Amino acid sequence: MRAEPQPAAYRADPVILELADWLASPVSAADFPANTLRYRNDRWAAAVGLSALNDKEWLSHFGRFEPLPDNLPQPLALKYHGHQFRVYNPEIGDGRGFLHAQIRDGDNRLLDCGTKGSGTTPYSRAGDGRLTLKGAVREILATEMLEAQGVYTSKTLSVVETGEELWRGDEPSPTRSAVMVRLSHGHIRIGTFQRLALLEEPEHMAALVDYCLQNYPGPPPPAGAPGADEPAVRLLHQVVERMADLAASWMVAGFVHGVLNTDNMNISGESFDYGPWRWLPKWDASFTAAYFDQQGLYAFGRQPEALHWNCGQLAVALRQVAEAPPLIAALERFGALYMDAIARRWTWRLGVKPQGSEKDAQLVATCEAAMRHSDVEPEEFWLRHRGGRNAKGGLADALAGYSPVEDDSAYWDRAPVQSILIDGVETIWSAIDQRDDWGPLQEKIAGIRQLGAALGTPPTPAGQPSTSNN
């Protein structure tokens, strides 16, 4: 069984202020006409010492964005650039969000409270800085499901409805508005480094590298790795390990992020920023989530390639402070790390004990073929074959010699498939939009959390920042 996030005392630690003069711009939250609390994630609020807030206090901090005690005195919109669908864009940054607070959890992890839909900033361009309530509901569902499936993900901490009518071209309008708060293990992106490289600011680049190594610690590079004593090289090794595991975790989950731009890549390896995401209705490498991804650049089966390419852009940026050969050596580890992560996470999700790289790789290939040929939804496949049960033909042969893990077999005998397919999402949203009925969303969250508890604690790579809760 997976341990719940453990309650901890509130510990403010706004260390970003050390870099804020050149990394961020002070901003103010929008003055919303209403503040109606729609969702608060109390189990993660407890993990950062915020669960004792009553609803009035909660709204003051996460609806009107009054500073938390001893924390950032004013919100900060972070500066970054990024490759968007492989085209470099220097005209971006936090355009409808900001960093509101930094807090240490019980494991001493630095966690950021970052917003979405909190108003315009200097980087909003032509945007209104707002978020639709439907977008917030979709992010609740995405983060809850990914957390249950063992993906290292941001958490949706709060959703407050803000009483404005918004017009959007990709959903019926006018539609309701909201402001959301994410709890994330940092907001330093690959695009943050790219901006400093373009501006040719090596001193700031070195300071940012040190900040990341200190606040998102990981293991040293492998023994004998060239340049292992150089901070930038150490950081790239850690990011490559984290991104390889993140790609594998999405693939095992059957999840398609949709927009894998370098400004959407957190160097802590944490999945975040959920826009046009989808879960697979069937195993299909060509499935895309974003209607505007006409070339399938970020299709399901191309996600590992996209994350590897993004790591390459980080390496290019780090050339400001490190030589190329050790950075290239770090990048070359991605493929093997990804295959190790696929095997580790695949056997975990199937509920069997790993047998070794060659046999595990054969099992993965056989399972993929079985899903392709049956057109079964991945979540149904995992449920049906948990612990190796109900296997026939080639799948039974591939599972020969695998032992099931000890888990709550009674759950798997009675559990429904916890789908997060688009039709189900629309049904949940319709209940909210038409009847203000939040019951289906609450029921879905409860079911997803039961799945997460039954799956237990996922395996994690050495390079991922330490956490006992994910």
Protein backbone atom coordinates (compact mmCIF):
# COMPACT_ATOMS: atom_id res chain seq x y z
CA MET A 1 0.00 0.00 0.00
CA ARG A 2 1.15 3.52 -0.71
CA ALA A 3 1.76 5.80 2.23
CA GLU A 4 -0.30 8.97 2.37
CA PRO A 5 1.62 12.26 2.34
CA GLN A 6 2.68 12.84 5.91
CA PRO A 7 1.54 15.93 7.85
CA ALA A 8 4.26 18.45 8.55
CA ALA A 9 4.66 21.84 10.15
CA TYR A 10 4.56 24.92 7.93
CA ARG A 11 8.09 26.00 7.00
CA ALA A 12 8.43 28.95 4.65
CA ASP A 13 11.67 29.05 2.66
CA PRO A 14 11.55 31.64 -0.17
CA VAL A 15 15.04 30.85 -1.47
CA ILE A 16 14.12 32.03 -4.98
CA LEU A 17 14.67 35.56 -3.68
CA GLU A 18 18.41 34.94 -4.05
CA LEU A 19 17.91 34.90 -7.84
CA ALA A 20 14.80 37.02 -8.22
CA ASP A 21 16.49 40.20 -9.47
CA TRP A 22 17.34 38.56 -12.78
CA LEU A 23 15.07 35.48 -12.82
CA ALA A 24 11.64 36.99 -12.19
CA SER A 25 9.45 40.09 -12.24
CA PRO A 26 7.31 41.20 -9.28
CA VAL A 27 3.61 41.16 -10.20
CA SER A 28 0.18 41.45 -8.59
CA ALA A 29 -2.77 39.10 -8.73
CA ALA A 30 -5.93 40.09 -10.58
CA ASP A 31 -8.76 41.55 -8.50
CA PHE A 32 -11.46 38.97 -9.14
CA PRO A 33 -15.17 39.77 -8.72
CA ALA A 34 -15.77 36.57 -6.74
CA ASN A 35 -13.88 33.98 -4.72
CA THR A 36 -15.75 30.68 -4.39
CA LEU A 37 -13.74 27.75 -3.09
CA ARG A 38 -14.29 24.72 -5.32
CA TYR A 39 -11.43 22.40 -4.41
CA ARG A 40 -8.77 22.14 -1.76
CA ASN A 41 -6.38 19.23 -1.61
CA ASP A 42 -6.24 18.69 2.12
CA ARG A 43 -3.92 15.71 2.10
CA TRP A 44 -1.23 17.74 0.33
CA ALA A 45 -2.08 20.87 2.29
CA ALA A 46 -1.24 18.85 5.40
CA ALA A 47 2.12 17.85 3.92
CA VAL A 48 3.18 21.51 3.83
CA GLY A 49 1.50 22.66 7.04
CA LEU A 50 -1.50 24.41 5.48
CA SER A 51 -4.37 22.10 6.42
CA ALA A 52 -5.27 24.13 9.52
CA LEU A 53 -6.35 27.08 7.38
CA ASN A 54 -10.11 27.58 7.48
CA ASP A 55 -11.88 28.33 4.21
CA LYS A 56 -11.80 32.08 4.77
CA GLU A 57 -8.05 32.02 5.36
CA TRP A 58 -7.59 29.69 2.40
CA LEU A 59 -9.36 32.12 0.09
CA SER A 60 -7.31 35.02 1.36
CA HIS A 61 -4.08 33.21 0.39
CA PHE A 62 -5.20 31.28 -2.70
CA GLY A 63 -7.99 33.47 -4.07
CA ARG A 64 -6.77 36.99 -3.29
CA PHE A 65 -3.13 35.91 -2.86
CA GLU A 66 -2.25 37.65 0.33
CA PRO A 67 1.28 36.55 1.28
CA LEU A 68 1.73 33.45 3.41
CA PRO A 69 3.63 34.06 6.68
CA ASP A 70 7.37 34.70 6.24
CA ASN A 71 7.11 33.90 2.55
CA LEU A 72 7.37 35.85 -0.69
CA PRO A 73 6.22 39.42 -0.03
CA GLN A 74 4.92 39.71 -3.60
CA PRO A 75 4.24 37.18 -6.38
CA LEU A 76 6.99 36.59 -8.93
CA ALA A 77 6.43 35.90 -12.63
CA LEU A 78 9.37 33.80 -13.76
CA LYS A 79 11.32 34.61 -16.92
CA TYR A 80 12.13 31.92 -19.47
CA HIS A 81 12.28 31.16 -23.18
CA GLY A 82 11.62 27.90 -24.94
CA HIS A 83 11.35 25.79 -28.05
CA GLN A 84 7.65 25.52 -28.89
CA PHE A 85 7.12 22.68 -31.35
CA ARG A 86 10.86 22.96 -32.09
CA VAL A 87 10.67 26.68 -32.92
CA TYR A 88 12.57 28.93 -30.50
CA ASN A 89 10.44 31.62 -28.85
CA PRO A 90 12.05 34.33 -26.67
CA GLU A 91 8.72 36.09 -26.09
CA ILE A 92 7.38 33.89 -23.30
CA GLY A 93 7.48 33.58 -19.53
CA ASP A 94 4.84 33.25 -16.82
CA GLY A 95 1.95 34.82 -18.75
CA ARG A 96 -1.02 33.79 -16.61
CA GLY A 97 0.66 32.51 -13.49
CA PHE A 98 3.25 33.36 -10.88
CA LEU A 99 5.19 31.93 -7.98
CA HIS A 100 3.25 32.69 -4.80
CA ALA A 101 5.22 30.88 -2.09
CA GLN A 102 7.94 28.34 -1.34
CA ILE A 103 7.54 25.79 1.45
CA ARG A 104 9.54 22.84 2.79
CA ASP A 105 7.68 19.58 3.38
CA GLY A 106 8.46 16.96 6.01
CA ASP A 107 11.12 15.41 3.77
CA ASN A 108 12.77 18.84 3.43
CA ARG A 109 11.79 19.08 -0.25
CA LEU A 110 11.38 22.58 -1.55
CA LEU A 111 7.85 22.94 -2.94
CA ASP A 112 6.50 25.89 -4.89
CA CYS A 113 2.96 27.22 -4.82
CA GLY A 114 2.52 28.36 -8.41
CA THR A 115 -0.65 29.71 -9.96
CA LYS A 116 -2.53 29.41 -13.23
CA GLY A 117 -5.16 31.97 -14.18
CA SER A 118 -4.06 34.61 -11.66
CA GLY A 119 -4.02 37.55 -14.10
CA THR A 120 -1.79 39.25 -16.62
CA THR A 121 1.97 39.70 -16.27
CA PRO A 122 4.64 41.37 -18.42
CA TYR A 123 4.76 38.07 -20.36
CA SER A 124 1.05 37.69 -21.15
CA ARG A 125 1.40 39.04 -24.69
CA ALA A 126 -2.18 39.14 -26.05
CA GLY A 127 -3.57 36.77 -23.43
CA ASP A 128 -6.04 37.69 -20.68
CA GLY A 129 -4.12 35.86 -17.95
CA ARG A 130 -7.19 33.83 -17.00
CA LEU A 131 -8.06 30.13 -16.68
CA THR A 132 -11.37 28.48 -17.42
CA LEU A 133 -13.01 26.50 -14.65
CA LYS A 134 -13.15 23.55 -17.03
CA GLY A 135 -9.38 23.78 -17.48
CA ALA A 136 -8.94 23.68 -13.71
CA VAL A 137 -11.22 20.64 -13.39
CA ARG A 138 -9.24 18.90 -16.12
CA GLU A 139 -6.02 19.59 -14.24
CA ILE A 140 -7.46 18.15 -11.03
CA LEU A 141 -8.29 14.94 -12.89
CA ALA A 142 -4.92 14.77 -14.64
CA THR A 143 -2.82 15.26 -11.53
CA GLU A 144 -4.90 12.89 -9.40
CA MET A 145 -4.73 10.12 -12.00
CA LEU A 146 -1.03 10.54 -12.71
CA GLU A 147 -0.21 10.55 -9.01
CA ALA A 148 -2.18 7.31 -8.61
CA GLN A 149 -0.32 5.76 -11.57
CA GLY A 150 3.05 6.53 -10.01
CA VAL A 151 4.01 9.46 -12.23
CA TYR A 152 6.09 12.14 -10.52
CA THR A 153 3.64 15.00 -10.96
CA SER A 154 2.65 18.39 -9.66
CA LYS A 155 -0.38 18.37 -7.35
CA THR A 156 -3.46 20.51 -7.79
CA LEU A 157 -3.66 22.22 -4.40
CA SER A 158 -6.54 24.66 -4.86
CA VAL A 159 -9.22 25.79 -7.30
CA VAL A 160 -11.20 28.96 -6.69
CA GLU A 161 -13.97 30.09 -9.02
CA THR A 162 -13.54 33.79 -9.79
CA GLY A 163 -16.87 34.97 -11.21
CA GLU A 164 -15.80 36.14 -14.66
CA GLU A 165 -17.10 35.09 -18.07
CA LEU A 166 -14.35 33.97 -20.44
CA TRP A 167 -14.40 33.54 -24.18
CA ARG A 168 -12.36 30.71 -25.66
CA GLY A 169 -12.18 29.41 -29.19
CA ASP A 170 -11.77 25.75 -28.18
CA GLU A 171 -14.78 25.38 -25.83
CA PRO A 172 -18.35 26.72 -25.63
CA SER A 173 -18.32 30.36 -24.52
CA PRO A 174 -18.89 32.29 -22.41
CA THR A 175 -17.51 29.90 -19.85
CA ARG A 176 -16.72 30.09 -16.15
CA SER A 177 -13.38 31.26 -14.78
CA ALA A 178 -11.07 30.04 -12.03
CA VAL A 179 -7.68 30.49 -10.47
CA MET A 180 -5.68 27.39 -9.62
CA VAL A 181 -2.68 26.75 -7.37
CA ARG A 182 -0.22 23.96 -8.10
CA LEU A 183 2.10 22.42 -5.55
CA SER A 184 5.25 21.63 -7.52
CA HIS A 185 8.80 20.56 -6.85
CA GLY A 186 10.13 23.74 -8.36
CA HIS A 187 9.39 25.74 -11.49
CA ILE A 188 12.86 25.94 -13.03
CA ARG A 189 12.46 24.89 -16.64
CA ILE A 190 14.83 23.94 -19.42
CA GLY A 191 13.65 27.19 -20.99
CA THR A 192 14.93 29.09 -17.95
CA PHE A 193 18.47 28.02 -18.88
CA GLN A 194 17.85 28.72 -22.56
CA ARG A 195 17.00 32.33 -21.79
CA LEU A 196 20.26 32.87 -19.90
CA ALA A 197 22.20 31.25 -22.75
CA LEU A 198 20.62 33.52 -25.35
CA LEU A 199 21.29 36.59 -23.22
CA GLU A 200 24.86 35.38 -22.62
CA GLU A 201 24.76 35.56 -18.83
CA PRO A 202 27.22 32.85 -17.69
CA GLU A 203 27.43 34.13 -14.12
CA HIS A 204 23.68 33.86 -13.72
CA MET A 205 23.76 30.48 -15.44
CA ALA A 206 26.30 29.21 -12.92
CA ALA A 207 24.21 30.58 -10.04
CA LEU A 208 21.10 28.84 -11.40
CA VAL A 209 22.97 25.55 -11.71
CA ASP A 210 24.07 25.84 -8.07
CA TYR A 211 20.51 26.69 -7.00
CA CYS A 212 19.17 23.57 -8.72
CA LEU A 213 21.84 21.27 -7.32
CA GLN A 214 21.19 22.56 -3.83
CA ASN A 215 17.39 22.52 -3.90
CA TYR A 216 16.69 19.53 -6.19
CA PRO A 217 19.50 17.20 -5.11
CA GLY A 218 20.32 13.94 -6.84
CA PRO A 219 23.15 11.40 -6.99
CA PRO A 220 26.54 12.04 -8.57
CA PRO A 221 27.23 10.95 -12.16
CA PRO A 222 28.33 7.34 -12.72
CA ALA A 223 31.86 6.47 -11.71
CA GLY A 224 34.30 7.48 -14.41
CA ALA A 225 31.95 9.90 -16.15
CA PRO A 226 33.93 12.75 -17.71
CA GLY A 227 33.59 16.11 -16.04
CA ALA A 228 31.86 14.58 -13.02
CA ASP A 229 33.18 17.32 -10.74
CA GLU A 230 31.66 20.13 -12.83
CA PRO A 231 28.34 21.45 -11.47
CA ALA A 232 26.67 21.83 -14.89
CA VAL A 233 27.64 18.29 -15.87
CA ARG A 234 26.30 16.89 -12.60
CA LEU A 235 23.03 18.72 -13.17
CA LEU A 236 22.63 17.41 -16.71
CA HIS A 237 23.23 13.83 -15.55
CA GLN A 238 20.46 14.27 -12.99
CA VAL A 239 18.04 15.81 -15.49
CA VAL A 240 18.70 13.07 -18.05
CA GLU A 241 17.94 10.41 -15.44
CA ARG A 242 14.76 12.19 -14.37
CA MET A 243 13.50 12.79 -17.89
CA ALA A 244 14.13 9.19 -18.91
CA ASP A 245 12.02 8.02 -15.99
CA LEU A 246 9.35 10.63 -16.65
CA ALA A 247 9.01 9.49 -20.27
CA ALA A 248 8.74 5.87 -19.16
CA SER A 249 6.14 6.70 -16.53
CA TRP A 250 3.94 8.47 -19.10
CA MET A 251 4.22 5.53 -21.49
CA VAL A 252 3.26 2.97 -18.85
CA ALA A 253 0.35 5.18 -17.81
CA GLY A 254 -0.87 5.46 -21.40
CA PHE A 255 -0.75 9.23 -20.98
CA VAL A 256 -0.19 11.83 -23.70
CA HIS A 257 0.91 15.20 -22.36
CA GLY A 258 0.34 17.02 -25.62
CA VAL A 259 2.73 19.98 -25.41
CA LEU A 260 6.31 18.93 -24.66
CA ASN A 261 7.97 22.28 -25.28
CA THR A 262 11.16 23.10 -23.41
CA ASP A 263 9.33 25.71 -21.35
CA ASN A 264 7.07 22.89 -20.10
CA MET A 265 9.98 20.78 -18.83
CA ASN A 266 10.78 21.04 -15.12
CA ILE A 267 14.41 20.17 -14.35
CA SER A 268 13.26 18.30 -11.23
CA GLY A 269 11.74 15.72 -13.60
CA GLU A 270 8.24 16.49 -12.38
CA SER A 271 5.39 16.35 -14.86
CA PHE A 272 3.32 19.55 -14.89
CA ASP A 273 1.41 22.08 -17.03
CA TYR A 274 -1.60 20.12 -18.23
CA GLY A 275 -3.40 21.56 -21.24
CA PRO A 276 -4.63 19.28 -24.05
CA TRP A 277 -3.72 16.00 -22.32
CA ARG A 278 -5.39 12.67 -23.07
CA TRP A 279 -5.23 9.08 -21.92
CA LEU A 280 -5.15 6.43 -24.63
CA PRO A 281 -8.48 4.80 -25.53
CA LYS A 282 -6.32 2.03 -27.03
CA TRP A 283 -2.59 1.42 -27.47
CA ASP A 284 -1.64 3.60 -30.42
CA ALA A 285 1.81 5.14 -30.85
CA SER A 286 0.45 7.77 -33.25
CA PHE A 287 -2.25 9.12 -30.90
CA THR A 288 -1.98 12.87 -30.29
CA ALA A 289 -3.59 15.00 -27.59
CA ALA A 290 -3.40 18.48 -29.09
CA TYR A 291 -5.57 19.30 -32.09
CA PHE A 292 -2.89 21.77 -33.22
CA ASP A 293 -0.15 19.08 -33.28
CA GLN A 294 -0.76 18.46 -36.97
CA GLN A 295 2.54 16.65 -37.55
CA GLY A 296 2.27 14.37 -34.51
CA LEU A 297 5.49 15.77 -33.04
CA TYR A 298 4.30 15.00 -29.51
CA ALA A 299 2.32 11.84 -30.30
CA PHE A 300 2.19 9.15 -27.62
CA GLY A 301 4.99 7.05 -29.08
CA ARG A 302 7.26 10.05 -29.68
CA GLN A 303 7.28 11.31 -26.10
CA PRO A 304 10.62 9.67 -25.17
CA GLU A 305 12.18 11.23 -28.29
CA ALA A 306 10.75 14.63 -27.33
CA LEU A 307 12.15 14.52 -23.81
CA HIS A 308 15.55 13.40 -25.07
CA TRP A 309 15.56 16.29 -27.57
CA ASN A 310 14.67 18.69 -24.77
CA CYS A 311 17.56 17.39 -22.67
CA GLY A 312 19.74 18.17 -25.67
CA GLN A 313 18.58 21.78 -25.59
CA LEU A 314 19.53 21.98 -21.92
CA ALA A 315 22.98 20.67 -22.85
CA VAL A 316 23.30 23.36 -25.51
CA ALA A 317 22.43 26.03 -22.95
CA LEU A 318 24.89 24.64 -20.41
CA ARG A 319 27.71 25.06 -22.90
CA GLN A 320 27.93 28.59 -21.43
CA VAL A 321 29.53 27.05 -18.33
CA ALA A 322 30.81 23.60 -19.38
CA GLU A 323 32.64 21.87 -22.23
CA ALA A 324 30.71 19.82 -24.78
CA PRO A 325 32.20 16.28 -24.40
CA PRO A 326 31.04 15.60 -20.81
CA LEU A 327 27.63 17.05 -21.61
CA ILE A 328 27.32 14.76 -24.63
CA ALA A 329 28.33 11.80 -22.47
CA ALA A 330 25.48 12.62 -20.08
CA LEU A 331 22.99 12.84 -22.97
CA GLU A 332 24.08 9.48 -24.33
CA ARG A 333 22.82 7.77 -21.16
CA PHE A 334 19.18 8.57 -21.95
CA GLY A 335 18.36 5.48 -24.04
CA ALA A 336 19.61 2.89 -21.56
CA LEU A 337 18.08 4.77 -18.63
CA TYR A 338 14.74 4.90 -20.42
CA MET A 339 14.72 1.15 -21.11
CA ASP A 340 15.59 0.43 -17.48
CA ALA A 341 12.78 2.72 -16.34
CA ILE A 342 10.26 1.08 -18.70
CA ALA A 343 11.07 -2.36 -17.31
CA ARG A 344 11.00 -1.13 -13.72
CA ARG A 345 7.69 0.68 -14.09
CA TRP A 346 6.03 -1.90 -16.36
CA THR A 347 6.53 -4.77 -13.95
CA TRP A 348 5.41 -2.54 -11.06
CA ARG A 349 2.19 -1.67 -12.84
CA LEU A 350 1.58 -5.28 -13.86
CA GLY A 351 2.12 -6.35 -10.24
CA VAL A 352 4.95 -8.82 -10.86
CA LYS A 353 8.53 -8.96 -9.67
CA PRO A 354 11.13 -7.97 -12.28
CA GLN A 355 13.29 -10.75 -13.73
CA GLY A 356 16.07 -8.87 -15.49
CA SER A 357 16.50 -6.61 -18.48
CA GLU A 358 16.21 -9.12 -21.35
CA LYS A 359 13.21 -11.01 -19.96
CA ASP A 360 11.48 -7.81 -18.83
CA ALA A 361 11.97 -6.27 -22.28
CA GLN A 362 10.33 -9.32 -23.84
CA LEU A 363 7.41 -9.00 -21.43
CA VAL A 364 6.95 -5.32 -22.33
CA ALA A 365 6.95 -6.09 -26.05
CA THR A 366 4.44 -8.92 -25.61
CA CYS A 367 2.10 -6.77 -23.54
CA GLU A 368 2.26 -3.96 -26.09
CA ALA A 369 1.41 -6.39 -28.90
CA ALA A 370 -1.49 -7.80 -26.89
CA MET A 371 -2.90 -4.30 -26.35
CA ARG A 372 -2.52 -3.33 -30.00
CA HIS A 373 -4.22 -6.46 -31.27
CA SER A 374 -7.10 -6.40 -28.80
CA ASP A 375 -7.80 -2.63 -28.91
CA VAL A 376 -8.31 -2.83 -25.16
CA GLU A 377 -7.93 0.34 -23.10
CA PRO A 378 -4.58 0.25 -21.24
CA GLU A 379 -6.23 0.74 -17.84
CA GLU A 380 -8.43 -2.28 -18.50
CA PHE A 381 -5.39 -4.31 -19.56
CA TRP A 382 -3.55 -3.55 -16.32
CA LEU A 383 -6.59 -4.38 -14.22
CA ARG A 384 -7.38 -7.61 -16.06
CA HIS A 385 -3.81 -8.94 -15.87
CA ARG A 386 -2.70 -7.65 -12.46
CA GLY A 387 -0.32 -10.16 -10.90
CA GLY A 388 -0.19 -12.12 -14.16
CA ARG A 389 -3.81 -13.27 -13.97
CA ASN A 390 -5.97 -14.06 -17.00
CA ALA A 391 -2.97 -14.36 -19.30
CA LYS A 392 -3.31 -16.53 -22.39
CA GLY A 393 -1.18 -17.49 -25.37
CA GLY A 394 1.95 -15.45 -25.89
CA LEU A 395 1.24 -13.29 -22.84
CA ALA A 396 1.10 -16.39 -20.64
CA ASP A 397 4.41 -17.55 -22.10
CA ALA A 398 6.02 -14.15 -21.48
CA LEU A 399 4.81 -14.18 -17.87
CA ALA A 400 6.16 -17.65 -17.16
CA GLY A 401 8.52 -17.45 -14.20
CA TYR A 402 7.19 -14.11 -12.95
CA SER A 403 5.95 -14.00 -9.37
CA PRO A 404 3.13 -11.66 -8.32
CA VAL A 405 3.90 -9.00 -5.76
CA GLU A 406 2.08 -9.08 -2.45
CA ASP A 407 -0.78 -6.61 -2.62
CA ASP A 408 -4.50 -6.15 -1.98
CA SER A 409 -5.79 -8.88 -4.30
CA ALA A 410 -9.33 -8.31 -3.04
CA TYR A 411 -9.19 -4.80 -4.52
CA TRP A 412 -8.20 -6.07 -7.95
CA ASP A 413 -11.02 -8.64 -7.88
CA ARG A 414 -13.68 -5.98 -7.39
CA ALA A 415 -12.16 -2.75 -8.71
CA PRO A 416 -13.73 -0.93 -11.65
CA VAL A 417 -11.55 0.37 -14.47
CA GLN A 418 -10.56 3.94 -13.54
CA SER A 419 -10.74 5.48 -16.99
CA ILE A 420 -9.94 9.12 -17.64
CA LEU A 421 -11.07 9.15 -21.25
CA ILE A 422 -12.42 12.25 -22.91
CA ASP A 423 -16.10 11.22 -22.76
CA GLY A 424 -15.86 10.66 -19.01
CA VAL A 425 -14.16 14.01 -18.51
CA GLU A 426 -16.94 15.73 -20.45
CA THR A 427 -19.58 13.98 -18.33
CA ILE A 428 -17.94 15.22 -15.13
CA TRP A 429 -17.67 18.74 -16.50
CA SER A 430 -21.26 18.74 -17.75
CA ALA A 431 -22.53 17.97 -14.24
CA ILE A 432 -20.62 20.99 -12.91
CA ASP A 433 -21.46 23.30 -15.79
CA GLN A 434 -25.15 22.46 -16.09
CA ARG A 435 -26.16 21.66 -12.49
CA ASP A 436 -23.25 22.86 -10.36
CA ASP A 437 -23.00 19.22 -9.26
CA TRP A 438 -19.50 18.45 -8.01
CA GLY A 439 -20.44 14.95 -6.85
CA PRO A 440 -19.20 13.07 -9.95
CA LEU A 441 -15.81 14.80 -9.69
CA GLN A 442 -15.52 13.96 -6.00
CA GLU A 443 -16.51 10.35 -6.67
CA LYS A 444 -13.92 10.07 -9.41
CA ILE A 445 -11.18 11.46 -7.19
CA ALA A 446 -12.09 8.95 -4.47
CA GLY A 447 -11.92 6.08 -6.96
CA ILE A 448 -8.59 7.24 -8.37
CA ARG A 449 -7.09 7.52 -4.89
CA GLN A 450 -8.21 3.97 -4.11
CA LEU A 451 -6.36 2.85 -7.23
CA GLY A 452 -3.23 4.69 -6.11
CA ALA A 453 -3.37 3.12 -2.66
CA ALA A 454 -3.75 -0.36 -4.15
CA LEU A 455 -0.86 0.09 -6.58
CA GLY A 456 1.45 1.11 -3.76
CA THR A 457 4.63 3.16 -3.88
CA PRO A 458 6.13 3.24 -7.39
CA PRO A 459 9.78 2.50 -8.09
CA THR A 460 11.86 5.63 -8.58
CA PRO A 461 15.24 6.20 -10.20
CA ALA A 462 18.24 7.33 -8.26
CA GLY A 463 18.23 10.67 -10.06
CA GLN A 464 14.79 11.79 -8.94
CA PRO A 465 14.68 14.23 -6.03
CA SER A 466 14.00 12.35 -2.83
CA THR A 467 10.38 11.88 -1.75
CA SER A 468 8.56 9.28 0.28
CA ASN A 469 5.15 10.40 -0.97
CA ASN A 470 5.31 9.79 -4.70
